[in-house]
N, C-alpha and C. Protein backbone atom coordinates (compact mmCIF):
# COMPACT_ATOMS: atom_id res chain seq x y z
N MET A 1 84.94 95.70 99.70
CA MET A 1 84.43 94.88 100.54
C MET A 1 85.66 94.56 101.60
N LEU A 2 85.78 94.57 102.85
CA LEU A 2 87.01 94.06 103.79
C LEU A 2 86.67 93.15 104.51
N ASN A 3 87.65 92.40 104.32
CA ASN A 3 87.83 91.22 105.19
C ASN A 3 88.15 91.37 106.44
N VAL A 4 87.10 90.94 107.37
CA VAL A 4 87.59 91.26 108.78
C VAL A 4 87.98 90.09 109.62
N LEU A 5 89.01 90.09 110.59
CA LEU A 5 89.64 89.33 111.27
C LEU A 5 89.17 89.67 113.21
N ILE A 6 88.26 88.91 113.85
CA ILE A 6 87.98 89.19 115.40
C ILE A 6 88.90 88.60 116.13
N VAL A 7 89.51 89.19 116.70
CA VAL A 7 90.53 88.64 117.94
C VAL A 7 90.24 88.79 119.26
N ASP A 8 89.65 87.71 120.07
CA ASP A 8 89.29 88.36 121.35
C ASP A 8 89.30 86.78 122.20
N ASP A 9 89.56 86.86 123.57
CA ASP A 9 89.33 85.59 123.99
C ASP A 9 87.75 85.43 125.00
N GLU A 10 87.07 86.70 124.44
CA GLU A 10 85.81 86.65 125.35
C GLU A 10 84.82 86.21 124.21
N PRO A 11 84.16 84.89 124.02
CA PRO A 11 82.94 84.85 123.14
C PRO A 11 81.82 85.83 122.78
N TYR A 12 81.56 86.62 123.94
CA TYR A 12 80.67 87.24 123.90
C TYR A 12 80.91 88.60 123.32
N ALA A 13 82.27 88.91 123.26
CA ALA A 13 82.74 90.01 122.59
C ALA A 13 82.66 89.68 121.16
N HIS A 14 83.02 88.62 120.72
CA HIS A 14 82.63 88.24 119.08
C HIS A 14 81.14 88.62 118.82
N GLU A 15 80.24 88.28 119.73
CA GLU A 15 78.72 88.50 119.32
C GLU A 15 78.38 89.91 118.96
N VAL A 16 78.90 90.41 119.78
CA VAL A 16 78.69 92.14 119.68
C VAL A 16 79.73 92.75 118.58
N LEU A 17 80.87 92.13 118.59
CA LEU A 17 81.40 92.83 117.16
C LEU A 17 80.89 92.22 115.82
N LYS A 18 80.18 91.23 115.68
CA LYS A 18 80.17 90.70 114.54
C LYS A 18 78.51 91.52 114.48
N HIS A 19 77.60 91.49 115.24
CA HIS A 19 76.47 92.46 115.18
C HIS A 19 76.99 93.56 114.81
N LEU A 20 77.79 94.50 115.27
CA LEU A 20 78.34 95.94 114.85
C LEU A 20 78.76 95.76 113.14
N CYS A 21 79.18 94.63 113.03
CA CYS A 21 79.79 94.75 111.79
C CYS A 21 78.70 94.64 110.59
N SER A 22 77.65 93.74 111.07
CA SER A 22 76.50 93.60 110.10
C SER A 22 75.77 94.48 109.40
N ALA A 23 76.15 95.65 110.27
CA ALA A 23 75.37 97.01 109.73
C ALA A 23 76.26 97.58 109.11
N HIS A 24 77.16 96.98 108.50
CA HIS A 24 78.18 97.77 107.44
C HIS A 24 78.31 96.39 106.48
N ASP A 25 77.83 97.05 105.27
CA ASP A 25 77.56 96.44 104.18
C ASP A 25 78.80 95.72 103.43
N ASP A 26 79.88 96.70 103.58
CA ASP A 26 81.40 96.64 103.21
C ASP A 26 82.37 95.86 104.28
N LEU A 27 81.63 95.22 105.43
CA LEU A 27 82.34 94.64 105.93
C LEU A 27 82.13 92.91 106.06
N LYS A 28 82.86 91.88 105.99
CA LYS A 28 82.78 90.46 105.78
C LYS A 28 83.48 89.83 106.77
N VAL A 29 83.10 89.33 108.08
CA VAL A 29 83.95 88.75 108.80
C VAL A 29 84.26 87.43 108.52
N VAL A 30 85.55 86.95 108.61
CA VAL A 30 85.73 85.89 107.71
C VAL A 30 86.54 84.75 108.93
N ALA A 31 86.72 85.18 110.20
CA ALA A 31 87.38 84.53 110.97
C ALA A 31 87.02 85.09 112.47
N HIS A 32 86.96 84.26 113.48
CA HIS A 32 86.94 84.18 114.74
C HIS A 32 87.98 84.02 115.48
N CYS A 33 88.64 84.36 116.22
CA CYS A 33 89.87 83.58 117.12
C CYS A 33 89.66 84.03 118.62
N LEU A 34 89.80 83.12 119.29
CA LEU A 34 90.07 83.44 120.44
C LEU A 34 91.49 83.66 121.43
N ASN A 35 92.28 83.56 120.74
CA ASN A 35 94.04 83.86 120.92
C ASN A 35 94.83 84.48 120.01
N ALA A 36 95.75 84.79 120.05
CA ALA A 36 96.66 85.07 119.18
C ALA A 36 97.29 83.99 118.29
N ALA A 37 97.55 83.04 118.75
CA ALA A 37 98.13 81.71 117.74
C ALA A 37 97.04 81.51 116.72
N ASP A 38 95.86 81.32 117.27
CA ASP A 38 94.88 80.93 116.13
C ASP A 38 94.88 82.05 114.83
N ALA A 39 94.92 83.60 115.42
CA ALA A 39 94.74 84.62 114.74
C ALA A 39 95.97 84.30 113.77
N LEU A 40 97.23 84.24 114.05
CA LEU A 40 98.45 84.12 113.02
C LEU A 40 97.82 83.12 112.10
N LYS A 41 97.31 82.04 112.51
CA LYS A 41 97.06 81.10 111.64
C LYS A 41 96.02 81.54 110.70
N ALA A 42 95.01 82.08 110.69
CA ALA A 42 94.20 82.96 110.22
C ALA A 42 94.58 83.64 109.00
N LEU A 43 95.75 84.39 109.86
CA LEU A 43 96.21 85.55 108.47
C LEU A 43 96.95 84.86 107.43
N GLU A 44 97.63 83.56 107.91
CA GLU A 44 98.29 83.28 106.84
C GLU A 44 97.14 82.22 105.81
N SER A 45 95.97 82.02 106.28
CA SER A 45 95.19 81.63 105.47
C SER A 45 94.27 82.17 104.21
N GLY A 46 94.54 83.47 104.65
CA GLY A 46 93.65 84.21 103.49
C GLY A 46 93.50 85.72 103.70
N PRO A 47 93.24 86.38 102.93
CA PRO A 47 93.50 87.75 103.04
C PRO A 47 92.77 88.36 104.03
N VAL A 48 93.35 89.29 104.91
CA VAL A 48 92.54 89.84 105.92
C VAL A 48 92.71 91.57 105.76
N ASP A 49 92.00 92.09 105.47
CA ASP A 49 92.02 93.82 105.34
C ASP A 49 91.97 94.79 106.78
N LEU A 50 91.36 94.26 108.09
CA LEU A 50 91.07 94.68 109.17
C LEU A 50 90.89 93.70 110.11
N MET A 51 91.69 94.32 111.05
CA MET A 51 91.36 93.25 112.44
C MET A 51 90.67 94.12 113.86
N PHE A 52 90.18 93.13 114.41
CA PHE A 52 89.36 93.88 115.77
C PHE A 52 90.25 92.88 116.77
N VAL A 53 91.10 93.65 117.53
CA VAL A 53 91.91 92.87 118.56
C VAL A 53 91.85 93.64 119.88
N ASP A 54 91.45 92.48 120.81
CA ASP A 54 91.52 92.81 122.23
C ASP A 54 92.96 92.64 122.66
N ILE A 55 93.36 93.39 123.67
CA ILE A 55 94.97 93.69 124.05
C ILE A 55 95.37 92.21 125.40
N GLN A 56 94.25 92.33 126.30
CA GLN A 56 94.69 91.28 127.54
C GLN A 56 94.21 90.08 126.79
N MET A 57 95.06 88.94 126.54
CA MET A 57 94.46 87.70 126.07
C MET A 57 95.54 86.63 127.02
N PRO A 58 95.03 85.51 127.20
CA PRO A 58 96.23 84.46 127.81
C PRO A 58 97.38 84.33 126.95
N ARG A 59 98.40 84.05 127.68
CA ARG A 59 99.77 84.06 127.17
C ARG A 59 100.28 84.84 126.31
N PHE A 60 99.82 85.57 125.17
CA PHE A 60 100.31 86.45 124.37
C PHE A 60 98.89 87.62 123.75
N GLY A 61 99.63 88.43 124.14
CA GLY A 61 98.64 89.88 124.10
C GLY A 61 98.35 90.54 122.59
N GLY A 62 97.06 91.19 122.37
CA GLY A 62 96.77 91.60 120.94
C GLY A 62 98.10 92.84 120.63
N LEU A 63 98.63 93.41 121.54
CA LEU A 63 99.65 94.22 121.18
C LEU A 63 101.07 93.58 120.67
N ASP A 64 101.56 92.47 121.65
CA ASP A 64 102.73 91.57 121.29
C ASP A 64 102.45 91.15 119.87
N MET A 65 101.14 90.60 119.51
CA MET A 65 101.14 90.05 118.14
C MET A 65 101.13 90.92 117.21
N LEU A 66 100.57 92.29 117.47
CA LEU A 66 100.83 93.36 116.47
C LEU A 66 102.37 93.60 116.17
N ARG A 67 102.94 93.65 117.36
CA ARG A 67 104.28 93.90 117.40
C ARG A 67 105.19 92.75 116.32
N GLY A 68 104.57 91.94 116.39
CA GLY A 68 105.48 90.36 115.84
C GLY A 68 104.88 90.33 114.31
N LEU A 69 104.19 91.27 113.83
CA LEU A 69 104.03 91.00 112.31
C LEU A 69 104.68 92.07 111.45
N ASP A 70 105.20 91.76 110.25
CA ASP A 70 106.01 92.24 109.59
C ASP A 70 105.03 93.41 108.98
N LYS A 71 103.86 92.82 108.08
CA LYS A 71 102.83 93.75 107.50
C LYS A 71 101.42 93.57 107.75
N PRO A 72 101.40 93.98 109.24
CA PRO A 72 99.83 93.50 109.96
C PRO A 72 98.84 94.28 108.88
N PRO A 73 97.45 93.81 108.91
CA PRO A 73 96.48 94.39 108.36
C PRO A 73 96.23 95.82 109.31
N HIS A 74 95.31 96.71 108.70
CA HIS A 74 94.55 97.47 109.56
C HIS A 74 94.18 97.09 110.68
N ALA A 75 94.37 97.62 111.97
CA ALA A 75 93.81 97.04 113.05
C ALA A 75 93.31 98.28 113.90
N VAL A 76 92.00 97.89 114.67
CA VAL A 76 91.55 98.27 115.88
C VAL A 76 91.48 97.57 117.06
N ILE A 77 91.81 98.43 117.93
CA ILE A 77 92.07 97.74 119.28
C ILE A 77 90.55 97.74 120.13
N VAL A 78 90.43 96.69 120.64
CA VAL A 78 88.84 96.65 121.47
C VAL A 78 89.32 95.86 122.67
N SER A 79 89.27 96.97 123.76
CA SER A 79 89.32 96.62 124.96
C SER A 79 88.73 97.11 126.14
N ALA A 80 88.85 96.65 127.30
CA ALA A 80 88.26 97.06 128.49
C ALA A 80 88.96 98.12 129.25
N HIS A 81 90.23 98.36 128.77
CA HIS A 81 91.62 98.89 129.63
C HIS A 81 92.11 100.06 128.65
N LYS A 82 91.58 101.32 129.34
CA LYS A 82 92.09 102.25 128.28
C LYS A 82 93.30 102.75 128.47
N GLU A 83 94.22 102.48 129.52
CA GLU A 83 95.87 102.60 129.85
C GLU A 83 96.68 102.31 128.74
N HIS A 84 96.32 101.23 127.53
CA HIS A 84 97.38 101.02 126.56
C HIS A 84 96.95 101.57 125.50
N ALA A 85 96.06 102.83 125.18
CA ALA A 85 95.71 103.52 124.38
C ALA A 85 97.11 103.86 123.69
N LEU A 86 98.08 104.41 124.13
CA LEU A 86 99.11 104.91 123.55
C LEU A 86 99.94 104.10 123.22
N ASP A 87 100.16 102.87 123.96
CA ASP A 87 100.85 101.74 122.83
C ASP A 87 100.47 101.33 121.91
N GLY A 88 99.08 101.48 121.49
CA GLY A 88 98.30 101.14 120.54
C GLY A 88 98.75 101.91 119.67
N PHE A 89 98.96 103.30 119.71
CA PHE A 89 98.64 104.33 118.58
C PHE A 89 100.20 103.92 118.26
N GLU A 90 100.97 103.94 118.85
CA GLU A 90 102.80 103.63 118.29
C GLU A 90 102.71 102.80 117.30
N LEU A 91 101.90 101.51 117.37
CA LEU A 91 101.67 100.62 116.59
C LEU A 91 100.64 100.94 115.47
N ASP A 92 100.44 102.19 115.16
CA ASP A 92 99.96 102.90 113.90
C ASP A 92 98.33 101.83 113.82
N VAL A 93 97.86 101.91 115.15
CA VAL A 93 96.41 101.05 115.13
C VAL A 93 95.35 102.40 114.81
N ILE A 94 94.24 102.08 113.97
CA ILE A 94 93.67 102.96 113.40
C ILE A 94 92.59 103.64 114.48
N ASP A 95 92.15 102.80 115.38
CA ASP A 95 91.44 103.59 116.84
C ASP A 95 91.34 102.80 117.49
N TYR A 96 90.95 102.93 118.77
CA TYR A 96 90.93 102.22 120.18
C TYR A 96 89.60 102.47 120.91
N LEU A 97 89.03 101.55 120.76
CA LEU A 97 87.69 101.10 121.21
C LEU A 97 87.51 100.56 122.87
N LEU A 98 86.97 101.55 123.61
CA LEU A 98 86.86 100.66 124.96
C LEU A 98 85.39 100.10 125.16
N LYS A 99 85.29 98.69 125.70
CA LYS A 99 84.31 98.04 126.35
C LYS A 99 83.48 98.86 126.82
N PRO A 100 81.93 98.36 126.98
CA PRO A 100 81.18 97.97 125.90
C PRO A 100 81.14 99.11 124.73
N VAL A 101 81.37 98.64 123.51
CA VAL A 101 81.27 99.60 122.08
C VAL A 101 79.82 99.79 121.82
N SER A 102 79.80 101.15 121.85
CA SER A 102 78.20 101.49 121.20
C SER A 102 78.15 101.38 119.75
N PRO A 103 77.12 101.42 118.99
CA PRO A 103 77.14 101.42 117.71
C PRO A 103 77.71 102.79 117.13
N LYS A 104 77.46 104.12 117.69
CA LYS A 104 77.86 105.33 117.25
C LYS A 104 79.27 105.25 117.36
N ARG A 105 79.99 104.69 118.43
CA ARG A 105 81.43 104.40 118.55
C ARG A 105 82.33 103.79 117.53
N PHE A 106 81.64 102.72 117.38
CA PHE A 106 81.87 101.62 116.14
C PHE A 106 81.60 102.10 114.70
N ASP A 107 80.73 102.99 114.36
CA ASP A 107 80.82 103.28 113.17
C ASP A 107 81.76 104.80 112.91
N SER A 108 81.87 105.44 113.93
CA SER A 108 83.12 106.42 113.70
C SER A 108 84.71 105.76 113.87
N ALA A 109 84.76 104.76 114.12
CA ALA A 109 86.05 103.99 113.89
C ALA A 109 86.13 103.29 112.79
N MET A 110 84.78 102.93 112.19
CA MET A 110 84.88 102.43 110.72
C MET A 110 84.84 103.93 109.73
N ASP A 111 84.75 105.05 109.90
CA ASP A 111 84.83 105.81 109.25
C ASP A 111 86.42 106.44 109.28
N LYS A 112 86.90 106.11 110.22
CA LYS A 112 88.40 106.38 110.04
C LYS A 112 89.17 105.56 109.41
N VAL A 113 88.48 104.07 109.49
CA VAL A 113 88.98 102.85 108.68
C VAL A 113 89.28 103.47 106.89
N ARG A 114 88.06 103.82 106.65
CA ARG A 114 87.58 104.19 105.46
C ARG A 114 88.58 105.18 104.94
N ARG A 115 88.93 106.45 105.80
CA ARG A 115 89.44 107.39 105.31
C ARG A 115 91.10 107.06 105.01
N ARG A 116 91.60 105.91 106.32
CA ARG A 116 92.79 105.61 105.89
C ARG A 116 92.99 104.65 104.85
N ILE A 117 92.08 103.87 104.43
CA ILE A 117 92.28 103.06 103.06
C ILE A 117 92.40 103.82 101.78
N ASP A 118 91.31 104.82 101.78
CA ASP A 118 91.13 106.28 100.49
C ASP A 118 92.55 106.61 100.64
N ASP A 119 93.17 107.14 101.71
CA ASP A 119 94.21 107.86 101.56
C ASP A 119 95.49 107.07 100.97
N GLU A 120 95.59 105.88 101.53
CA GLU A 120 96.59 104.93 100.77
C GLU A 120 96.33 104.62 99.62
N ARG A 121 95.02 104.49 98.89
CA ARG A 121 95.12 104.44 97.55
C ARG A 121 95.09 105.42 96.53
N ALA A 122 95.10 106.56 97.41
CA ALA A 122 95.10 107.98 96.37
C ALA A 122 96.64 108.49 96.19
N VAL A 123 97.61 108.03 96.97
CA VAL A 123 98.82 108.56 96.80
C VAL A 123 99.83 107.40 96.35
N LYS A 124 100.41 107.18 95.44
CA LYS A 124 101.33 106.20 95.36
C LYS A 124 102.53 106.72 94.43
N PRO A 125 103.86 105.77 94.52
CA PRO A 125 104.90 106.51 93.76
C PRO A 125 104.80 106.38 92.46
N ASP A 126 105.13 107.82 91.59
CA ASP A 126 105.01 107.95 90.29
C ASP A 126 106.11 108.12 89.57
N ASP A 127 106.58 107.35 88.62
CA ASP A 127 107.87 107.88 87.88
C ASP A 127 109.05 108.35 88.81
N GLY A 128 109.18 107.39 90.00
CA GLY A 128 110.16 107.72 90.73
C GLY A 128 110.20 108.83 91.95
N TYR A 129 109.04 109.05 91.87
CA TYR A 129 108.41 110.18 92.70
C TYR A 129 107.58 109.67 93.93
N LEU A 130 107.46 110.27 95.02
CA LEU A 130 106.63 110.61 96.02
C LEU A 130 106.06 111.54 96.35
N THR A 131 104.52 111.74 96.31
CA THR A 131 103.88 113.04 96.57
C THR A 131 103.23 112.65 97.93
N LEU A 132 103.76 113.50 99.01
CA LEU A 132 103.06 113.73 100.28
C LEU A 132 102.54 114.75 100.88
N LYS A 133 101.61 115.25 101.75
CA LYS A 133 101.61 116.39 102.42
C LYS A 133 102.18 117.14 103.06
N VAL A 134 102.77 118.09 103.06
CA VAL A 134 103.52 118.95 104.19
C VAL A 134 103.07 120.37 103.95
N ASN A 135 102.74 120.53 105.38
CA ASN A 135 102.15 121.79 105.44
C ASN A 135 100.92 122.20 104.64
N ARG A 136 100.14 120.82 104.68
CA ARG A 136 98.86 120.78 104.01
C ARG A 136 98.94 120.86 102.54
N LEU A 137 100.28 121.16 101.91
CA LEU A 137 100.35 121.23 100.70
C LEU A 137 101.26 120.06 99.95
N SER A 138 100.78 119.51 98.87
CA SER A 138 101.58 118.43 98.30
C SER A 138 102.75 118.95 97.78
N GLN A 139 103.74 118.02 98.12
CA GLN A 139 105.39 117.86 98.14
C GLN A 139 105.91 116.38 97.38
N ARG A 140 106.33 116.57 96.33
CA ARG A 140 106.92 115.60 95.67
C ARG A 140 108.25 115.18 95.52
N PHE A 141 108.93 114.25 96.19
CA PHE A 141 110.24 113.84 96.68
C PHE A 141 110.75 112.70 95.67
N LYS A 142 111.59 112.80 95.27
CA LYS A 142 112.53 112.11 94.40
C LYS A 142 113.03 110.60 95.29
N LEU A 143 112.35 109.63 94.92
CA LEU A 143 112.67 108.62 95.73
C LEU A 143 114.58 108.25 96.19
N ASP A 144 114.87 108.26 94.88
CA ASP A 144 116.63 108.21 95.15
C ASP A 144 117.16 109.09 95.93
N GLU A 145 116.45 110.26 96.30
CA GLU A 145 117.23 111.32 97.23
C GLU A 145 116.62 111.09 98.47
N ILE A 146 115.91 109.97 98.75
CA ILE A 146 115.24 110.11 100.38
C ILE A 146 116.39 109.33 100.94
N ARG A 147 117.01 109.65 102.13
CA ARG A 147 118.03 108.51 102.78
C ARG A 147 116.80 107.71 103.68
N PHE A 148 115.62 108.50 104.81
CA PHE A 148 115.03 107.69 105.51
C PHE A 148 113.76 108.52 105.85
N PHE A 149 113.20 107.59 106.50
CA PHE A 149 111.98 108.11 106.98
C PHE A 149 111.79 107.53 108.59
N GLN A 150 111.33 109.00 109.38
CA GLN A 150 111.40 108.31 111.10
C GLN A 150 109.67 108.77 111.12
N GLY A 151 109.00 107.90 111.97
CA GLY A 151 107.66 107.66 112.29
C GLY A 151 107.70 108.82 113.51
N GLN A 152 106.52 109.74 113.40
CA GLN A 152 106.43 110.59 114.57
C GLN A 152 104.92 110.93 114.82
N GLY A 153 104.13 109.39 115.54
CA GLY A 153 103.00 109.27 115.68
C GLY A 153 101.77 109.35 114.17
N ASN A 154 101.02 110.18 113.96
CA ASN A 154 100.60 110.43 112.89
C ASN A 154 101.26 111.32 111.41
N PHE A 155 102.65 111.22 112.21
CA PHE A 155 103.42 112.06 110.87
C PHE A 155 104.49 111.27 110.62
N VAL A 156 105.15 111.51 109.70
CA VAL A 156 106.55 111.28 109.25
C VAL A 156 107.57 112.51 108.92
N LYS A 157 108.40 112.23 109.50
CA LYS A 157 109.89 112.78 109.06
C LYS A 157 110.51 112.29 107.68
N VAL A 158 110.46 113.37 106.61
CA VAL A 158 110.98 112.61 105.47
C VAL A 158 112.71 113.25 105.51
N CYS A 159 113.62 112.62 105.76
CA CYS A 159 114.63 113.03 105.61
C CYS A 159 115.73 112.60 104.35
N ASP A 160 115.93 113.90 103.31
CA ASP A 160 116.20 113.63 101.73
C ASP A 160 117.83 114.44 101.59
N VAL A 161 118.36 114.62 100.70
CA VAL A 161 119.62 115.16 100.56
C VAL A 161 119.38 116.78 100.79
N SER A 162 118.09 117.30 100.79
CA SER A 162 117.89 119.02 100.80
C SER A 162 117.58 119.17 102.11
N GLY A 163 117.46 118.36 102.91
CA GLY A 163 116.86 118.47 104.74
C GLY A 163 115.76 117.59 104.99
N SER A 164 115.01 118.03 105.62
CA SER A 164 113.79 117.34 106.22
C SER A 164 112.56 117.94 106.45
N TYR A 165 111.54 117.25 106.45
CA TYR A 165 110.13 117.51 106.27
C TYR A 165 109.32 116.87 106.95
N LEU A 166 108.12 117.10 107.53
CA LEU A 166 107.06 116.53 108.66
C LEU A 166 106.14 116.53 107.42
N ALA A 167 105.87 115.01 106.95
CA ALA A 167 104.77 115.00 106.14
C ALA A 167 103.42 114.40 106.92
N THR A 168 102.30 114.64 106.52
CA THR A 168 101.05 113.86 107.39
C THR A 168 100.90 112.57 106.67
N VAL A 169 101.40 111.49 106.95
CA VAL A 169 101.35 110.21 106.70
C VAL A 169 102.04 109.14 107.73
N THR A 170 101.06 108.22 107.80
CA THR A 170 101.79 107.20 109.09
C THR A 170 102.97 106.20 108.44
N MET A 171 103.65 105.47 109.12
CA MET A 171 104.70 104.62 109.01
C MET A 171 103.78 103.42 108.10
N ARG A 172 102.52 102.94 108.44
CA ARG A 172 101.92 102.27 107.79
C ARG A 172 101.97 102.56 106.43
N GLN A 173 101.06 103.74 106.33
CA GLN A 173 100.91 103.89 105.21
C GLN A 173 101.82 103.86 103.95
N LEU A 174 103.08 104.66 104.60
CA LEU A 174 104.30 104.68 103.73
C LEU A 174 104.67 103.21 103.34
N GLN A 175 104.92 102.42 104.00
CA GLN A 175 105.32 100.98 103.78
C GLN A 175 104.34 100.15 102.78
N GLU A 176 102.87 100.57 102.87
CA GLU A 176 102.44 100.09 101.54
C GLU A 176 102.62 100.74 100.58
N MET A 177 103.07 102.09 100.29
CA MET A 177 103.24 102.81 99.14
C MET A 177 104.40 102.78 98.52
N LEU A 178 105.72 102.31 99.46
CA LEU A 178 107.08 102.39 98.70
C LEU A 178 107.43 101.15 98.46
N PRO A 179 108.27 101.13 97.26
CA PRO A 179 108.47 99.90 96.82
C PRO A 179 109.73 99.43 97.63
N ALA A 180 109.31 98.09 97.87
CA ALA A 180 109.98 96.96 98.70
C ALA A 180 111.48 96.99 98.11
N SER A 181 111.67 96.85 96.75
CA SER A 181 112.94 96.88 96.15
C SER A 181 113.90 98.23 96.53
N LYS A 182 113.42 99.17 96.83
CA LYS A 182 114.37 100.28 97.26
C LYS A 182 114.21 100.89 98.59
N PHE A 183 113.20 100.25 99.34
CA PHE A 183 113.04 100.77 100.81
C PHE A 183 112.71 99.52 101.93
N ILE A 184 113.38 99.64 102.99
CA ILE A 184 113.49 98.59 104.05
C ILE A 184 112.92 99.18 105.49
N ARG A 185 111.94 98.48 106.12
CA ARG A 185 111.64 98.94 107.71
C ARG A 185 112.56 98.30 108.58
N VAL A 186 113.53 99.30 109.04
CA VAL A 186 114.49 98.47 109.97
C VAL A 186 114.04 98.77 111.46
N HIS A 187 112.93 99.36 111.82
CA HIS A 187 112.81 99.81 113.30
C HIS A 187 111.50 100.24 113.27
N LYS A 188 110.34 99.97 114.19
CA LYS A 188 108.97 100.26 114.15
C LYS A 188 108.95 101.80 113.95
N SER A 189 110.13 102.90 114.11
CA SER A 189 109.99 103.92 113.58
C SER A 189 110.79 104.32 112.51
N TYR A 190 111.19 103.54 111.75
CA TYR A 190 112.34 103.85 110.71
C TYR A 190 112.20 103.15 109.33
N ILE A 191 112.13 103.84 108.47
CA ILE A 191 112.31 103.21 107.00
C ILE A 191 113.51 103.57 106.09
N VAL A 192 114.30 102.85 105.90
CA VAL A 192 115.17 103.42 105.16
C VAL A 192 115.62 103.01 103.75
N ASN A 193 116.24 103.96 102.87
CA ASN A 193 116.54 103.75 101.25
C ASN A 193 117.59 102.21 101.37
N ARG A 194 117.35 101.50 100.97
CA ARG A 194 118.28 100.18 100.62
C ARG A 194 119.88 100.72 100.20
N ASN A 195 119.77 101.74 99.24
CA ASN A 195 120.65 101.75 98.56
C ASN A 195 121.97 102.87 99.11
N ARG A 196 121.06 103.54 100.36
CA ARG A 196 121.68 104.42 101.23
C ARG A 196 122.67 103.86 102.34
N ILE A 197 122.49 102.72 102.61
CA ILE A 197 122.89 101.61 103.59
C ILE A 197 124.47 101.47 103.52
N ALA A 198 125.55 102.01 104.43
CA ALA A 198 126.58 102.08 104.07
C ALA A 198 127.13 100.77 104.77
N LYS A 199 126.69 100.66 106.05
CA LYS A 199 127.15 99.52 107.11
C LYS A 199 126.18 98.87 107.93
N SER A 200 126.05 97.93 108.44
CA SER A 200 124.96 97.55 109.21
C SER A 200 125.73 96.43 110.40
N GLY A 201 125.17 96.53 111.39
CA GLY A 201 125.45 96.01 112.89
C GLY A 201 124.07 95.21 113.22
N THR A 202 124.28 94.70 114.58
CA THR A 202 123.43 93.99 115.29
C THR A 202 122.17 95.13 115.81
N LYS A 203 122.92 96.29 116.04
CA LYS A 203 121.92 97.26 116.47
C LYS A 203 121.68 98.64 115.91
N PHE A 204 122.47 98.69 114.99
CA PHE A 204 122.11 100.03 113.57
C PHE A 204 122.55 99.62 112.47
N VAL A 205 122.14 100.39 111.83
CA VAL A 205 122.46 100.66 110.18
C VAL A 205 123.04 102.20 110.25
N GLU A 206 124.31 101.99 109.45
CA GLU A 206 124.91 103.32 109.09
C GLU A 206 124.46 103.76 107.46
N LEU A 207 123.98 105.04 107.47
CA LEU A 207 123.87 105.37 105.93
C LEU A 207 125.02 106.06 105.47
N ASP A 208 124.81 106.46 104.25
CA ASP A 208 126.09 107.02 103.39
C ASP A 208 126.10 108.31 104.00
N CYS A 209 125.36 109.16 104.72
CA CYS A 209 125.46 110.30 105.14
C CYS A 209 126.15 110.25 106.62
N ASN A 210 126.43 108.97 107.13
CA ASN A 210 127.04 109.15 108.41
C ASN A 210 125.92 109.08 109.78
N VAL A 211 124.55 108.97 109.15
CA VAL A 211 123.55 108.72 110.20
C VAL A 211 123.41 107.52 110.50
N LYS A 212 123.40 107.18 111.74
CA LYS A 212 123.22 105.70 112.75
C LYS A 212 121.54 105.71 112.80
N ILE A 213 120.99 104.73 112.26
CA ILE A 213 119.70 104.37 112.60
C ILE A 213 119.51 102.96 113.42
N PRO A 214 118.78 103.07 114.48
CA PRO A 214 118.53 102.25 115.22
C PRO A 214 117.80 100.69 114.26
N LEU A 215 118.32 99.54 114.70
CA LEU A 215 117.86 98.36 113.95
C LEU A 215 116.97 97.49 114.67
N GLY A 216 116.09 97.53 114.88
CA GLY A 216 115.17 96.51 115.45
C GLY A 216 115.31 95.26 115.64
N ARG A 217 115.21 94.74 116.75
CA ARG A 217 115.21 93.06 117.15
C ARG A 217 114.53 92.36 116.22
N SER A 218 113.18 92.47 115.87
CA SER A 218 112.20 91.96 115.09
C SER A 218 112.41 92.24 113.48
N PHE A 219 113.70 93.23 113.24
CA PHE A 219 113.98 93.57 111.77
C PHE A 219 115.10 93.19 111.61
N ARG A 220 115.93 92.45 112.16
CA ARG A 220 117.71 92.00 111.91
C ARG A 220 117.18 91.02 110.79
N ARG A 221 116.51 90.03 110.86
CA ARG A 221 116.27 89.22 109.72
C ARG A 221 116.49 89.60 108.27
N ALA A 222 115.77 90.84 108.54
CA ALA A 222 115.02 91.47 107.06
C ALA A 222 116.31 91.99 106.57
N ILE A 223 117.66 92.67 107.22
CA ILE A 223 118.58 93.34 106.74
C ILE A 223 119.59 92.76 106.71
N SER A 224 119.65 91.40 107.21
CA SER A 224 120.86 90.36 106.95
C SER A 224 121.22 89.99 105.64
């Protein structure tokens, strides 16, 4: 069962999404929020697995809310404006639904959500190794030898002591899989090995291989 949070400033949109969710036995709508501030409170009050988020809301938009969350739930954007789709996917949203949302399009989005969750559950670090898909083949990486990960859309560049590899995984999936004691997200596009950090400043971290990684403003507190 997936706990669902709906965030939209239009009450009618809540009714539509609630109706669409009711056709899926594995969805449970746990809260309705008309603005981002209420959504943040709802996220603190109980577990949420999936959010349906509108982009344009008063004072604080859906994309700004997602950017401000350290570990956001899986998210699907629901908007009347298609021009923000690229921004949404850069934040690793699973899908981007244009209003009015048809049942067929909603079902397609839910298929993507389930595939993403299944993929995250299928691959976990084991005995100090991480297994990822590289060129459609499974490849094992030793965690201690990984320097950093760089997000590239639905792919991630894995940089370790032997070179770099393009893996079929997203930054969100990686953050869920990696042990927080060994890896830290320092930017929306970068996760680094804690033990490889040689120096840290206000705008970057420098690794023991002399590579400088940008430090995102919202991640500075975590690195200090």
